[in-house]
Amino acid sequence: MTNLYVSIDAACKMTSLGRTTMYKLISLEQVEVVKVGRRTLVKLASLEQLGII
């Protein structure tokens, strides 16, 4: 299975959450992210595990 990642802005639009809430979930390590250069990408599977999408 391929790991799919989206930008934080795209993740916010998909989940109808604000940026502050998304960053809070990231800081609490409830949402898995990966850094690619300066970009921070959110793993879609971690959003699915939380039941957000």
PDB file of N, CA and C in Angstrom:
ATOM      1  N   MET A   1       0.841  -1.183   0.000  1.00  0.00           N
ATOM      2  CA  MET A   1       0.000   0.000   0.000  1.00  0.00           C
ATOM      3  C   MET A   1       0.884   1.244   0.000  1.00  0.00           C
ATOM      4  N   THR A   2       0.467   2.232  -0.753  1.00  0.00           N
ATOM      5  CA  THR A   2       1.219   3.466  -0.861  1.00  0.00           C
ATOM      6  C   THR A   2       0.827   4.420   0.258  1.00  0.00           C
ATOM      7  N   ASN A   3       1.830   5.034   0.846  1.00  0.00           N
ATOM      8  CA  ASN A   3       1.560   6.060   1.847  1.00  0.00           C
ATOM      9  C   ASN A   3       1.217   7.354   1.125  1.00  0.00           C
ATOM     10  N   LEU A   4       0.065   7.910   1.408  1.00  0.00           N
ATOM     11  CA  LEU A   4      -0.358   9.155   0.785  1.00  0.00           C
ATOM     12  C   LEU A   4      -0.247  10.287   1.788  1.00  0.00           C
ATOM     13  N   TYR A   5       0.291  11.394   1.317  1.00  0.00           N
ATOM     14  CA  TYR A   5       0.484  12.565   2.160  1.00  0.00           C
ATOM     15  C   TYR A   5      -0.114  13.783   1.480  1.00  0.00           C
ATOM     16  N   VAL A   6      -0.600  14.717   2.269  1.00  0.00           N
ATOM     17  CA  VAL A   6      -1.140  15.975   1.753  1.00  0.00           C
ATOM     18  C   VAL A   6      -0.562  17.122   2.569  1.00  0.00           C
ATOM     19  N   SER A   7      -0.637  18.310   2.015  1.00  0.00           N
ATOM     20  CA  SER A   7      -0.170  19.485   2.738  1.00  0.00           C
ATOM     21  C   SER A   7      -1.098  19.764   3.920  1.00  0.00           C
ATOM     22  N   ILE A   8      -0.642  20.577   4.821  1.00  0.00           N
ATOM     23  CA  ILE A   8      -1.453  20.930   5.981  1.00  0.00           C
ATOM     24  C   ILE A   8      -2.705  21.686   5.538  1.00  0.00           C
ATOM     25  N   ASP A   9      -2.568  22.573   4.557  1.00  0.00           N
ATOM     26  CA  ASP A   9      -3.738  23.298   4.047  1.00  0.00           C
ATOM     27  C   ASP A   9      -4.762  22.344   3.452  1.00  0.00           C
ATOM     28  N   ALA A  10      -4.305  21.375   2.677  1.00  0.00           N
ATOM     29  CA  ALA A  10      -5.219  20.403   2.073  1.00  0.00           C
ATOM     30  C   ALA A  10      -5.883  19.548   3.148  1.00  0.00           C
ATOM     31  N   ALA A  11      -5.119  19.166   4.163  1.00  0.00           N
ATOM     32  CA  ALA A  11      -5.679  18.372   5.261  1.00  0.00           C
ATOM     33  C   ALA A  11      -6.745  19.160   6.009  1.00  0.00           C
ATOM     34  N   CYS A  12      -6.523  20.445   6.187  1.00  0.00           N
ATOM     35  CA  CYS A  12      -7.517  21.294   6.857  1.00  0.00           C
ATOM     36  C   CYS A  12      -8.796  21.371   6.042  1.00  0.00           C
ATOM     37  N   LYS A  13      -8.666  21.524   4.729  1.00  0.00           N
ATOM     38  CA  LYS A  13      -9.853  21.599   3.870  1.00  0.00           C
ATOM     39  C   LYS A  13     -10.604  20.273   3.858  1.00  0.00           C
ATOM     40  N   MET A  14      -9.877  19.155   3.827  1.00  0.00           N
ATOM     41  CA  MET A  14     -10.505  17.839   3.785  1.00  0.00           C
ATOM     42  C   MET A  14     -11.278  17.540   5.063  1.00  0.00           C
ATOM     43  N   THR A  15     -10.760  18.010   6.200  1.00  0.00           N
ATOM     44  CA  THR A  15     -11.329  17.667   7.497  1.00  0.00           C
ATOM     45  C   THR A  15     -12.214  18.767   8.077  1.00  0.00           C
ATOM     46  N   SER A  16     -12.241  19.912   7.446  1.00  0.00           N
ATOM     47  CA  SER A  16     -12.977  21.088   7.941  1.00  0.00           C
ATOM     48  C   SER A  16     -12.471  21.550   9.304  1.00  0.00           C
ATOM     49  N   LEU A  17     -11.187  21.305   9.550  1.00  0.00           N
ATOM     50  CA  LEU A  17     -10.550  21.787  10.774  1.00  0.00           C
ATOM     51  C   LEU A  17      -9.718  23.017  10.449  1.00  0.00           C
ATOM     52  N   GLY A  18      -9.529  23.870  11.430  1.00  0.00           N
ATOM     53  CA  GLY A  18      -8.689  25.041  11.252  1.00  0.00           C
ATOM     54  C   GLY A  18      -7.217  24.681  11.374  1.00  0.00           C
ATOM     55  N   ARG A  19      -6.376  25.591  10.936  1.00  0.00           N
ATOM     56  CA  ARG A  19      -4.924  25.364  10.997  1.00  0.00           C
ATOM     57  C   ARG A  19      -4.449  25.202  12.435  1.00  0.00           C
ATOM     58  N   THR A  20      -5.007  25.992  13.341  1.00  0.00           N
ATOM     59  CA  THR A  20      -4.598  25.910  14.738  1.00  0.00           C
ATOM     60  C   THR A  20      -4.907  24.529  15.310  1.00  0.00           C
ATOM     61  N   THR A  21      -6.083  24.020  15.013  1.00  0.00           N
ATOM     62  CA  THR A  21      -6.471  22.689  15.489  1.00  0.00           C
ATOM     63  C   THR A  21      -5.578  21.627  14.876  1.00  0.00           C
ATOM     64  N   MET A  22      -5.277  21.748  13.592  1.00  0.00           N
ATOM     65  CA  MET A  22      -4.419  20.764  12.920  1.00  0.00           C
ATOM     66  C   MET A  22      -3.024  20.776  13.542  1.00  0.00           C
ATOM     67  N   TYR A  23      -2.470  21.959  13.784  1.00  0.00           N
ATOM     68  CA  TYR A  23      -1.154  22.037  14.410  1.00  0.00           C
ATOM     69  C   TYR A  23      -1.183  21.497  15.841  1.00  0.00           C
ATOM     70  N   LYS A  24      -2.290  21.679  16.532  1.00  0.00           N
ATOM     71  CA  LYS A  24      -2.434  21.126  17.886  1.00  0.00           C
ATOM     72  C   LYS A  24      -2.404  19.600  17.831  1.00  0.00           C
ATOM     73  N   LEU A  25      -3.128  19.001  16.876  1.00  0.00           N
ATOM     74  CA  LEU A  25      -3.110  17.544  16.718  1.00  0.00           C
ATOM     75  C   LEU A  25      -1.716  17.048  16.366  1.00  0.00           C
ATOM     76  N   ILE A  26      -1.003  17.821  15.561  1.00  0.00           N
ATOM     77  CA  ILE A  26       0.372  17.440  15.197  1.00  0.00           C
ATOM     78  C   ILE A  26       1.271  17.505  16.420  1.00  0.00           C
ATOM     79  N   SER A  27       1.141  18.559  17.218  1.00  0.00           N
ATOM     80  CA  SER A  27       2.002  18.698  18.397  1.00  0.00           C
ATOM     81  C   SER A  27       1.703  17.632  19.441  1.00  0.00           C
ATOM     82  N   LEU A  28       0.449  17.159  19.490  1.00  0.00           N
ATOM     83  CA  LEU A  28       0.074  16.084  20.414  1.00  0.00           C
ATOM     84  C   LEU A  28       0.417  14.704  19.848  1.00  0.00           C
ATOM     85  N   GLU A  29       1.000  14.703  18.642  1.00  0.00           N
ATOM     86  CA  GLU A  29       1.411  13.483  17.938  1.00  0.00           C
ATOM     87  C   GLU A  29       0.233  12.554  17.651  1.00  0.00           C
ATOM     88  N   GLN A  30      -0.938  13.145  17.451  1.00  0.00           N
ATOM     89  CA  GLN A  30      -2.110  12.367  17.064  1.00  0.00           C
ATOM     90  C   GLN A  30      -2.223  12.262  15.551  1.00  0.00           C
ATOM     91  N   VAL A  31      -1.540  13.165  14.857  1.00  0.00           N
ATOM     92  CA  VAL A  31      -1.497  13.154  13.402  1.00  0.00           C
ATOM     93  C   VAL A  31      -0.039  13.007  12.992  1.00  0.00           C
ATOM     94  N   GLU A  32       0.227  12.031  12.127  1.00  0.00           N
ATOM     95  CA  GLU A  32       1.596  11.759  11.694  1.00  0.00           C
ATOM     96  C   GLU A  32       1.963  12.675  10.531  1.00  0.00           C
ATOM     97  N   VAL A  33       3.141  13.264  10.622  1.00  0.00           N
ATOM     98  CA  VAL A  33       3.629  14.149   9.562  1.00  0.00           C
ATOM     99  C   VAL A  33       5.039  13.746   9.155  1.00  0.00           C
ATOM    100  N   VAL A  34       5.425  14.216   7.991  1.00  0.00           N
ATOM    101  CA  VAL A  34       6.781  14.021   7.501  1.00  0.00           C
ATOM    102  C   VAL A  34       7.245  15.351   6.913  1.00  0.00           C
ATOM    103  N   LYS A  35       8.509  15.687   7.136  1.00  0.00           N
ATOM    104  CA  LYS A  35       9.074  16.913   6.597  1.00  0.00           C
ATOM    105  C   LYS A  35       9.794  16.577   5.293  1.00  0.00           C
ATOM    106  N   VAL A  36       9.486  17.345   4.253  1.00  0.00           N
ATOM    107  CA  VAL A  36      10.173  17.230   2.967  1.00  0.00           C
ATOM    108  C   VAL A  36      10.703  18.620   2.658  1.00  0.00           C
ATOM    109  N   GLY A  37      11.973  18.809   2.922  1.00  0.00           N
ATOM    110  CA  GLY A  37      12.529  20.152   2.807  1.00  0.00           C
ATOM    111  C   GLY A  37      11.880  21.045   3.844  1.00  0.00           C
ATOM    112  N   ARG A  38      11.262  22.120   3.381  1.00  0.00           N
ATOM    113  CA  ARG A  38      10.565  23.033   4.286  1.00  0.00           C
ATOM    114  C   ARG A  38       9.097  22.672   4.452  1.00  0.00           C
ATOM    115  N   ARG A  39       8.608  21.765   3.606  1.00  0.00           N
ATOM    116  CA  ARG A  39       7.182  21.397   3.639  1.00  0.00           C
ATOM    117  C   ARG A  39       6.898  20.379   4.731  1.00  0.00           C
ATOM    118  N   THR A  40       5.752  20.515   5.349  1.00  0.00           N
ATOM    119  CA  THR A  40       5.259  19.527   6.299  1.00  0.00           C
ATOM    120  C   THR A  40       4.045  18.868   5.664  1.00  0.00           C
ATOM    121  N   LEU A  41       4.103  17.541   5.525  1.00  0.00           N
ATOM    122  CA  LEU A  41       3.020  16.803   4.897  1.00  0.00           C
ATOM    123  C   LEU A  41       2.355  15.897   5.918  1.00  0.00           C
ATOM    124  N   VAL A  42       1.042  15.814   5.855  1.00  0.00           N
ATOM    125  CA  VAL A  42       0.237  15.031   6.781  1.00  0.00           C
ATOM    126  C   VAL A  42      -0.074  13.686   6.139  1.00  0.00           C
ATOM    127  N   LYS A  43       0.099  12.609   6.905  1.00  0.00           N
ATOM    128  CA  LYS A  43      -0.210  11.275   6.410  1.00  0.00           C
ATOM    129  C   LYS A  43      -1.721  11.055   6.494  1.00  0.00           C
ATOM    130  N   LEU A  44      -2.326  10.714   5.355  1.00  0.00           N
ATOM    131  CA  LEU A  44      -3.779  10.529   5.307  1.00  0.00           C
ATOM    132  C   LEU A  44      -4.240   9.394   6.220  1.00  0.00           C
ATOM    133  N   ALA A  45      -3.450   8.347   6.327  1.00  0.00           N
ATOM    134  CA  ALA A  45      -3.838   7.214   7.171  1.00  0.00           C
ATOM    135  C   ALA A  45      -3.998   7.636   8.629  1.00  0.00           C
ATOM    136  N   SER A  46      -3.199   8.590   9.091  1.00  0.00           N
ATOM    137  CA  SER A  46      -3.328   9.031  10.484  1.00  0.00           C
ATOM    138  C   SER A  46      -4.621   9.805  10.694  1.00  0.00           C
ATOM    139  N   LEU A  47      -5.091  10.516   9.663  1.00  0.00           N
ATOM    140  CA  LEU A  47      -6.381  11.201   9.764  1.00  0.00           C
ATOM    141  C   LEU A  47      -7.521  10.190   9.769  1.00  0.00           C
ATOM    142  N   GLU A  48      -7.373   9.129   8.986  1.00  0.00           N
ATOM    143  CA  GLU A  48      -8.390   8.079   8.941  1.00  0.00           C
ATOM    144  C   GLU A  48      -8.472   7.342  10.276  1.00  0.00           C
ATOM    145  N   GLN A  49      -7.330   7.106  10.916  1.00  0.00           N
ATOM    146  CA  GLN A  49      -7.312   6.419  12.206  1.00  0.00           C
ATOM    147  C   GLN A  49      -8.030   7.221  13.275  1.00  0.00           C
ATOM    148  N   LEU A  50      -7.932   8.532  13.188  1.00  0.00           N
ATOM    149  CA  LEU A  50      -8.621   9.397  14.158  1.00  0.00           C
ATOM    150  C   LEU A  50     -10.115   9.480  13.859  1.00  0.00           C
ATOM    151  N   GLY A  51     -10.509   9.037  12.682  1.00  0.00           N
ATOM    152  CA  GLY A  51     -11.913   9.105  12.294  1.00  0.00           C
ATOM    153  C   GLY A  51     -12.318  10.479  11.814  1.00  0.00           C
ATOM    154  N   ILE A  52     -11.356  11.275  11.427  1.00  0.00           N
ATOM    155  CA  ILE A  52     -11.641  12.637  10.972  1.00  0.00           C
ATOM    156  C   ILE A  52     -12.143  12.624   9.526  1.00  0.00           C
ATOM    157  N   ILE A  53     -11.572  11.736   8.712  1.00  0.00           N
ATOM    158  CA  ILE A  53     -12.043  11.648   7.312  1.00  0.00           C
ATOM    159  C   ILE A  53     -12.573  10.268   7.039  1.00  0.00           C
TER     160      ILE A  53
END
